[in-house]
Amino acid sequence: MLKRNKYLFSLILLSNIFTGCGGSSSSETTIDTSASAVSIISLDTKKSLAYMGNEERLAHDIYNKFYDLFPSLMQFRNIAINSETRHIEAVQQLVQKYEITGTELSDSNYTSLYYQNSDISQMQAGVYGVLSVQQLYDALLVEGSNDEISALKVGCKVEVTDIEDLNKYLDYANNDNASDIVEIFEFLRAGSYSHYWTFDAALKSKNVVNGCNLGVEPYGDKNGIYPVI
């Protein structure tokens, strides 16, 4: 699946997805970045690609784990399989395109870019090449494993974390005029907006009145801030 020309890739965008308590509807558009040049990118942008590759894997892995624990919560399964898989592939292809191995990052936070050339089926769940992502996964797994409400609240936190990081990383990519990276990061962020509102709706369906509004920053009220996609 991932053994393609490293300068040619197209992605399936999903919008208006994962609504309600487990169902989904999708509108698919293909992004073709094959004509885009390889930009000269900064160390910050290289790190952002390495980081997001691991952070998207975190979302995929923790959602699958929560689905195993709480199989009635189909949102976790749907998002992991239908969306996070594509997110991982999208960032992985950029990591390959820009030939980021991890050794050039000169940062102890990046222990190794495991799996940069591996199919998703070969990636070991819960094992990451970025120390801070590993620590976040371990903490969120414990936090969300007690019950369905806790798991859904962790889902909210994962998506807010993704959006906060992507907002910062989009600035790096824009500064580098790396249009292909900007396009993919915007794709990831759009998915996170959709997933956030899915978890918000799921919590409200379980009588959690405030949904994903956990009352503390950065997990406060996102009405009027996050678009409903």
C-alpha atoms as a PDB file:
ATOM      1  CA  MET A   1       0.000   0.000   0.000  1.00  0.00           C
ATOM      2  CA  LEU A   2       2.760   2.407   0.942  1.00  0.00           C
ATOM      3  CA  LYS A   3       5.358   1.254  -1.561  1.00  0.00           C
ATOM      4  CA  ARG A   4       4.560   3.995  -4.052  1.00  0.00           C
ATOM      5  CA  ASN A   5       6.659   6.580  -5.778  1.00  0.00           C
ATOM      6  CA  LYS A   6       7.633   8.816  -2.886  1.00  0.00           C
ATOM      7  CA  TYR A   7       6.731  11.904  -4.910  1.00  0.00           C
ATOM      8  CA  LEU A   8       3.304  10.673  -5.964  1.00  0.00           C
ATOM      9  CA  PHE A   9       0.403  10.270  -3.670  1.00  0.00           C
ATOM     10  CA  SER A  10      -3.283  10.983  -3.485  1.00  0.00           C
ATOM     11  CA  LEU A  11      -5.483  11.013  -0.447  1.00  0.00           C
ATOM     12  CA  ILE A  12      -9.120  10.401   0.246  1.00  0.00           C
ATOM     13  CA  LEU A  13     -10.628  13.277   2.174  1.00  0.00           C
ATOM     14  CA  LEU A  14     -13.616  12.507   4.352  1.00  0.00           C
ATOM     15  CA  SER A  15     -15.923  15.278   5.414  1.00  0.00           C
ATOM     16  CA  ASN A  16     -19.248  15.307   7.203  1.00  0.00           C
ATOM     17  CA  ILE A  17     -18.327  11.981   8.799  1.00  0.00           C
ATOM     18  CA  PHE A  18     -18.843  10.042  11.966  1.00  0.00           C
ATOM     19  CA  THR A  19     -22.007  11.796  13.119  1.00  0.00           C
ATOM     20  CA  GLY A  20     -24.492  10.441  15.613  1.00  0.00           C
ATOM     21  CA  CYS A  21     -23.870   7.510  17.904  1.00  0.00           C
ATOM     22  CA  GLY A  22     -21.903   5.370  15.510  1.00  0.00           C
ATOM     23  CA  GLY A  23     -23.161   5.842  12.008  1.00  0.00           C
ATOM     24  CA  SER A  24     -21.295   7.831   9.413  1.00  0.00           C
ATOM     25  CA  SER A  25     -21.817   9.535   6.116  1.00  0.00           C
ATOM     26  CA  SER A  26     -18.960  10.570   3.858  1.00  0.00           C
ATOM     27  CA  SER A  27     -18.254  12.944   1.013  1.00  0.00           C
ATOM     28  CA  GLU A  28     -15.048  11.879  -0.705  1.00  0.00           C
ATOM     29  CA  THR A  29     -12.680  14.121  -2.603  1.00  0.00           C
ATOM     30  CA  THR A  30      -9.263  13.115  -3.906  1.00  0.00           C
ATOM     31  CA  ILE A  31      -6.263  15.345  -3.293  1.00  0.00           C
ATOM     32  CA  ASP A  32      -3.526  14.839  -5.853  1.00  0.00           C
ATOM     33  CA  THR A  33      -0.202  16.374  -4.822  1.00  0.00           C
ATOM     34  CA  SER A  34       1.901  14.537  -7.390  1.00  0.00           C
ATOM     35  CA  ALA A  35       2.790  17.778  -9.189  1.00  0.00           C
ATOM     36  CA  SER A  36       3.980  19.539  -6.064  1.00  0.00           C
ATOM     37  CA  ALA A  37       7.676  20.228  -5.748  1.00  0.00           C
ATOM     38  CA  VAL A  38       9.814  19.164  -2.818  1.00  0.00           C
ATOM     39  CA  SER A  39      10.193  22.312  -0.752  1.00  0.00           C
ATOM     40  CA  ILE A  40      13.195  23.348   1.293  1.00  0.00           C
ATOM     41  CA  ILE A  41      11.791  22.944   4.787  1.00  0.00           C
ATOM     42  CA  SER A  42      13.032  24.053   8.192  1.00  0.00           C
ATOM     43  CA  LEU A  43      14.025  21.832  11.079  1.00  0.00           C
ATOM     44  CA  ASP A  44      10.785  22.836  12.810  1.00  0.00           C
ATOM     45  CA  THR A  45       8.741  21.580   9.861  1.00  0.00           C
ATOM     46  CA  LYS A  46      10.699  18.331   9.743  1.00  0.00           C
ATOM     47  CA  LYS A  47       9.997  17.815  13.429  1.00  0.00           C
ATOM     48  CA  SER A  48       6.325  18.593  12.891  1.00  0.00           C
ATOM     49  CA  LEU A  49       6.063  15.845  10.270  1.00  0.00           C
ATOM     50  CA  ALA A  50       7.800  13.369  12.568  1.00  0.00           C
ATOM     51  CA  TYR A  51       5.587  14.373  15.469  1.00  0.00           C
ATOM     52  CA  MET A  52       2.280  14.239  13.609  1.00  0.00           C
ATOM     53  CA  GLY A  53       3.088  10.839  12.186  1.00  0.00           C
ATOM     54  CA  ASN A  54       3.317   9.537  15.735  1.00  0.00           C
ATOM     55  CA  GLU A  55       0.397  11.582  17.066  1.00  0.00           C
ATOM     56  CA  GLU A  56      -1.945  10.264  14.367  1.00  0.00           C
ATOM     57  CA  ARG A  57      -0.843   6.746  15.274  1.00  0.00           C
ATOM     58  CA  LEU A  58      -1.667   7.526  18.911  1.00  0.00           C
ATOM     59  CA  ALA A  59      -5.234   8.425  17.933  1.00  0.00           C
ATOM     60  CA  HIS A  60      -5.588   5.287  15.821  1.00  0.00           C
ATOM     61  CA  ASP A  61      -4.228   3.028  18.544  1.00  0.00           C
ATOM     62  CA  ILE A  62      -6.074   4.484  21.513  1.00  0.00           C
ATOM     63  CA  TYR A  63      -9.401   4.517  19.672  1.00  0.00           C
ATOM     64  CA  ASN A  64      -8.992   0.873  18.729  1.00  0.00           C
ATOM     65  CA  LYS A  65      -8.127   0.081  22.343  1.00  0.00           C
ATOM     66  CA  PHE A  66     -11.203   1.888  23.646  1.00  0.00           C
ATOM     67  CA  TYR A  67     -13.383   0.084  21.120  1.00  0.00           C
ATOM     68  CA  ASP A  68     -12.037  -3.234  22.435  1.00  0.00           C
ATOM     69  CA  LEU A  69     -12.915  -2.127  25.974  1.00  0.00           C
ATOM     70  CA  PHE A  70     -16.286  -0.585  25.088  1.00  0.00           C
ATOM     71  CA  PRO A  71     -17.583  -2.257  21.894  1.00  0.00           C
ATOM     72  CA  SER A  72     -20.883  -0.368  21.972  1.00  0.00           C
ATOM     73  CA  LEU A  73     -18.960   2.830  21.176  1.00  0.00           C
ATOM     74  CA  MET A  74     -18.726   2.367  17.427  1.00  0.00           C
ATOM     75  CA  GLN A  75     -17.405   5.911  17.048  1.00  0.00           C
ATOM     76  CA  PHE A  76     -13.980   4.712  18.124  1.00  0.00           C
ATOM     77  CA  ARG A  77     -13.879   1.889  15.601  1.00  0.00           C
ATOM     78  CA  ASN A  78     -15.238   3.998  12.750  1.00  0.00           C
ATOM     79  CA  ILE A  79     -12.815   6.852  13.292  1.00  0.00           C
ATOM     80  CA  ALA A  80      -9.795   4.588  13.741  1.00  0.00           C
ATOM     81  CA  ILE A  81     -10.446   2.521  10.637  1.00  0.00           C
ATOM     82  CA  ASN A  82     -12.024   5.026   8.270  1.00  0.00           C
ATOM     83  CA  SER A  83     -10.097   8.165   9.125  1.00  0.00           C
ATOM     84  CA  GLU A  84      -7.019   7.750  11.317  1.00  0.00           C
ATOM     85  CA  THR A  85      -5.650   5.118   8.952  1.00  0.00           C
ATOM     86  CA  ARG A  86      -5.720   7.660   6.133  1.00  0.00           C
ATOM     87  CA  HIS A  87      -4.176  10.287   8.381  1.00  0.00           C
ATOM     88  CA  ILE A  88      -1.261   7.996   9.203  1.00  0.00           C
ATOM     89  CA  GLU A  89      -0.716   7.207   5.528  1.00  0.00           C
ATOM     90  CA  ALA A  90      -0.858  10.895   4.600  1.00  0.00           C
ATOM     91  CA  VAL A  91       1.849  11.958   7.042  1.00  0.00           C
ATOM     92  CA  GLN A  92       3.926   8.859   6.432  1.00  0.00           C
ATOM     93  CA  GLN A  93       4.101   9.626   2.743  1.00  0.00           C
ATOM     94  CA  LEU A  94       5.331  13.153   3.500  1.00  0.00           C
ATOM     95  CA  VAL A  95       7.960  11.710   5.855  1.00  0.00           C
ATOM     96  CA  GLN A  96       9.097   9.497   2.993  1.00  0.00           C
ATOM     97  CA  LYS A  97       8.919  12.314   0.437  1.00  0.00           C
ATOM     98  CA  TYR A  98      11.151  14.555   2.553  1.00  0.00           C
ATOM     99  CA  GLU A  99      13.403  11.634   3.546  1.00  0.00           C
ATOM    100  CA  ILE A 100      13.092  12.256   7.275  1.00  0.00           C
ATOM    101  CA  THR A 101      14.764   9.463   9.195  1.00  0.00           C
ATOM    102  CA  GLY A 102      14.902  11.072  12.638  1.00  0.00           C
ATOM    103  CA  THR A 103      18.677  11.170  12.835  1.00  0.00           C
ATOM    104  CA  GLU A 104      18.768  14.710  11.444  1.00  0.00           C
ATOM    105  CA  LEU A 105      16.366  16.130  14.034  1.00  0.00           C
ATOM    106  CA  SER A 106      18.983  16.424  16.817  1.00  0.00           C
ATOM    107  CA  ASP A 107      16.341  16.263  19.519  1.00  0.00           C
ATOM    108  CA  SER A 108      16.214  13.766  22.368  1.00  0.00           C
ATOM    109  CA  ASN A 109      12.411  13.812  22.200  1.00  0.00           C
ATOM    110  CA  TYR A 110      12.635  11.862  18.919  1.00  0.00           C
ATOM    111  CA  THR A 111      13.983   8.471  19.877  1.00  0.00           C
ATOM    112  CA  SER A 112      13.493   6.981  16.413  1.00  0.00           C
ATOM    113  CA  LEU A 113      11.037   7.243  13.547  1.00  0.00           C
ATOM    114  CA  TYR A 114       9.860   3.666  13.810  1.00  0.00           C
ATOM    115  CA  TYR A 115       7.780   2.366  10.914  1.00  0.00           C
ATOM    116  CA  GLN A 116       8.396   5.235   8.491  1.00  0.00           C
ATOM    117  CA  ASN A 117       8.590   2.645   5.709  1.00  0.00           C
ATOM    118  CA  SER A 118       6.159   0.100   7.147  1.00  0.00           C
ATOM    119  CA  ASP A 119       2.582  -0.733   6.350  1.00  0.00           C
ATOM    120  CA  ILE A 120       0.150   0.188   9.132  1.00  0.00           C
ATOM    121  CA  SER A 121      -0.559  -3.491   9.749  1.00  0.00           C
ATOM    122  CA  GLN A 122       3.097  -3.900  10.782  1.00  0.00           C
ATOM    123  CA  MET A 123       3.098  -1.058  13.301  1.00  0.00           C
ATOM    124  CA  GLN A 124       3.070  -2.083  16.947  1.00  0.00           C
ATOM    125  CA  ALA A 125       0.181  -0.359  18.703  1.00  0.00           C
ATOM    126  CA  GLY A 126       1.157   1.820  21.645  1.00  0.00           C
ATOM    127  CA  VAL A 127       4.842   2.099  20.715  1.00  0.00           C
ATOM    128  CA  TYR A 128       6.071   5.454  19.395  1.00  0.00           C
ATOM    129  CA  GLY A 129       9.278   7.085  18.261  1.00  0.00           C
ATOM    130  CA  VAL A 130       8.573  10.374  20.017  1.00  0.00           C
ATOM    131  CA  LEU A 131       9.013  10.347  23.784  1.00  0.00           C
ATOM    132  CA  SER A 132       6.299  12.921  24.531  1.00  0.00           C
ATOM    133  CA  VAL A 133       3.780  11.038  22.364  1.00  0.00           C
ATOM    134  CA  GLN A 134       4.621   7.829  24.209  1.00  0.00           C
ATOM    135  CA  GLN A 135       4.036   9.522  27.550  1.00  0.00           C
ATOM    136  CA  LEU A 136       0.761  11.036  26.351  1.00  0.00           C
ATOM    137  CA  TYR A 137      -0.524   7.668  25.110  1.00  0.00           C
ATOM    138  CA  ASP A 138       0.328   5.948  28.377  1.00  0.00           C
ATOM    139  CA  ALA A 139      -1.419   8.637  30.429  1.00  0.00           C
ATOM    140  CA  LEU A 140      -4.544   8.857  28.259  1.00  0.00           C
ATOM    141  CA  LEU A 141      -4.936   5.094  28.120  1.00  0.00           C
ATOM    142  CA  VAL A 142      -5.109   4.937  31.907  1.00  0.00           C
ATOM    143  CA  GLU A 143      -7.418   7.954  32.069  1.00  0.00           C
ATOM    144  CA  GLY A 144      -9.932   6.580  29.578  1.00  0.00           C
ATOM    145  CA  SER A 145     -10.047   2.905  30.479  1.00  0.00           C
ATOM    146  CA  ASN A 146     -12.441   3.057  33.443  1.00  0.00           C
ATOM    147  CA  ASP A 147     -15.756   3.640  31.688  1.00  0.00           C
ATOM    148  CA  GLU A 148     -17.392   4.878  28.490  1.00  0.00           C
ATOM    149  CA  ILE A 149     -17.674   8.495  29.622  1.00  0.00           C
ATOM    150  CA  SER A 150     -13.990   8.642  30.498  1.00  0.00           C
ATOM    151  CA  ALA A 151     -13.064   7.118  27.139  1.00  0.00           C
ATOM    152  CA  LEU A 152     -15.156   9.633  25.201  1.00  0.00           C
ATOM    153  CA  LYS A 153     -13.650  12.526  27.158  1.00  0.00           C
ATOM    154  CA  VAL A 154     -10.187  11.265  26.231  1.00  0.00           C
ATOM    155  CA  GLY A 155     -11.363  11.232  22.610  1.00  0.00           C
ATOM    156  CA  CYS A 156     -12.168  14.934  22.983  1.00  0.00           C
ATOM    157  CA  LYS A 157      -8.715  15.556  24.446  1.00  0.00           C
ATOM    158  CA  VAL A 158      -6.955  13.715  21.627  1.00  0.00           C
ATOM    159  CA  GLU A 159      -8.707  15.784  18.993  1.00  0.00           C
ATOM    160  CA  VAL A 160      -8.106  19.103  20.778  1.00  0.00           C
ATOM    161  CA  THR A 161      -4.436  18.176  21.147  1.00  0.00           C
ATOM    162  CA  ASP A 162      -4.221  17.386  17.429  1.00  0.00           C
ATOM    163  CA  ILE A 163      -5.834  20.694  16.486  1.00  0.00           C
ATOM    164  CA  GLU A 164      -3.626  22.725  18.829  1.00  0.00           C
ATOM    165  CA  ASP A 165      -0.505  21.082  17.413  1.00  0.00           C
ATOM    166  CA  LEU A 166      -1.631  21.421  13.807  1.00  0.00           C
ATOM    167  CA  ASN A 167      -2.374  25.113  14.222  1.00  0.00           C
ATOM    168  CA  LYS A 168       1.238  25.601  15.295  1.00  0.00           C
ATOM    169  CA  TYR A 169       2.680  23.312  12.646  1.00  0.00           C
ATOM    170  CA  LEU A 170       0.674  24.970   9.867  1.00  0.00           C
ATOM    171  CA  ASP A 171       2.506  28.187  10.680  1.00  0.00           C
ATOM    172  CA  TYR A 172       5.828  26.401  10.155  1.00  0.00           C
ATOM    173  CA  ALA A 173       4.732  24.903   6.834  1.00  0.00           C
ATOM    174  CA  ASN A 174       3.290  28.192   5.598  1.00  0.00           C
ATOM    175  CA  ASN A 175       6.522  29.981   6.488  1.00  0.00           C
ATOM    176  CA  ASP A 176       8.376  27.415   4.364  1.00  0.00           C
ATOM    177  CA  ASN A 177       5.893  27.817   1.487  1.00  0.00           C
ATOM    178  CA  ALA A 178       5.457  24.045   1.609  1.00  0.00           C
ATOM    179  CA  SER A 179       2.029  23.852  -0.007  1.00  0.00           C
ATOM    180  CA  ASP A 180       1.886  20.059   0.042  1.00  0.00           C
ATOM    181  CA  ILE A 181       2.481  19.949   3.798  1.00  0.00           C
ATOM    182  CA  VAL A 182      -0.038  22.738   4.383  1.00  0.00           C
ATOM    183  CA  GLU A 183      -2.610  20.802   2.382  1.00  0.00           C
ATOM    184  CA  ILE A 184      -2.109  17.630   4.383  1.00  0.00           C
ATOM    185  CA  PHE A 185      -2.091  19.395   7.750  1.00  0.00           C
ATOM    186  CA  GLU A 186      -5.353  21.136   6.832  1.00  0.00           C
ATOM    187  CA  PHE A 187      -6.760  17.725   5.877  1.00  0.00           C
ATOM    188  CA  LEU A 188      -5.771  16.338   9.280  1.00  0.00           C
ATOM    189  CA  ARG A 189      -7.239  19.320  11.093  1.00  0.00           C
ATOM    190  CA  ALA A 190     -10.551  19.057   9.249  1.00  0.00           C
ATOM    191  CA  GLY A 191     -10.770  15.431  10.347  1.00  0.00           C
ATOM    192  CA  SER A 192     -10.064  16.385  13.941  1.00  0.00           C
ATOM    193  CA  TYR A 193     -12.810  19.007  13.899  1.00  0.00           C
ATOM    194  CA  SER A 194     -15.276  16.361  12.725  1.00  0.00           C
ATOM    195  CA  HIS A 195     -14.125  13.805  15.289  1.00  0.00           C
ATOM    196  CA  TYR A 196     -14.332  16.348  18.102  1.00  0.00           C
ATOM    197  CA  TRP A 197     -18.000  17.020  17.397  1.00  0.00           C
ATOM    198  CA  THR A 198     -18.665  13.295  17.110  1.00  0.00           C
ATOM    199  CA  PHE A 199     -17.342  12.752  20.634  1.00  0.00           C
ATOM    200  CA  ASP A 200     -19.223  15.846  21.811  1.00  0.00           C
ATOM    201  CA  ALA A 201     -22.490  14.409  20.486  1.00  0.00           C
ATOM    202  CA  ALA A 202     -21.754  10.992  21.986  1.00  0.00           C
ATOM    203  CA  LEU A 203     -21.186  12.493  25.435  1.00  0.00           C
ATOM    204  CA  LYS A 204     -24.381  14.533  25.215  1.00  0.00           C
ATOM    205  CA  SER A 205     -26.301  11.405  24.240  1.00  0.00           C
ATOM    206  CA  LYS A 206     -25.104   9.966  27.548  1.00  0.00           C
ATOM    207  CA  ASN A 207     -26.449  12.976  29.457  1.00  0.00           C
ATOM    208  CA  VAL A 208     -23.105  14.752  29.779  1.00  0.00           C
ATOM    209  CA  VAL A 209     -24.645  18.173  29.214  1.00  0.00           C
ATOM    210  CA  ASN A 210     -21.428  19.995  28.312  1.00  0.00           C
ATOM    211  CA  GLY A 211     -20.158  17.298  25.977  1.00  0.00           C
ATOM    212  CA  CYS A 212     -16.515  17.884  25.079  1.00  0.00           C
ATOM    213  CA  ASN A 213     -16.474  21.157  27.026  1.00  0.00           C
ATOM    214  CA  LEU A 214     -14.460  19.865  29.966  1.00  0.00           C
ATOM    215  CA  GLY A 215     -14.278  23.279  31.613  1.00  0.00           C
ATOM    216  CA  VAL A 216     -10.495  23.677  31.587  1.00  0.00           C
ATOM    217  CA  GLU A 217      -8.173  25.030  28.927  1.00  0.00           C
ATOM    218  CA  PRO A 218      -7.484  23.975  26.284  1.00  0.00           C
ATOM    219  CA  TYR A 219     -10.522  21.705  26.624  1.00  0.00           C
ATOM    220  CA  GLY A 220     -13.090  24.446  27.147  1.00  0.00           C
ATOM    221  CA  ASP A 221     -16.089  25.512  25.053  1.00  0.00           C
ATOM    222  CA  LYS A 222     -15.327  25.188  21.303  1.00  0.00           C
ATOM    223  CA  ASN A 223     -18.707  26.388  20.024  1.00  0.00           C
ATOM    224  CA  GLY A 224     -18.047  29.148  17.526  1.00  0.00           C
ATOM    225  CA  ILE A 225     -14.339  28.221  17.449  1.00  0.00           C
ATOM    226  CA  TYR A 226     -14.286  24.804  15.801  1.00  0.00           C
ATOM    227  CA  PRO A 227     -16.283  24.566  12.572  1.00  0.00           C
ATOM    228  CA  VAL A 228     -18.898  21.841  12.300  1.00  0.00           C
ATOM    229  CA  ILE A 229     -17.690  19.856   9.294  1.00  0.00           C
END
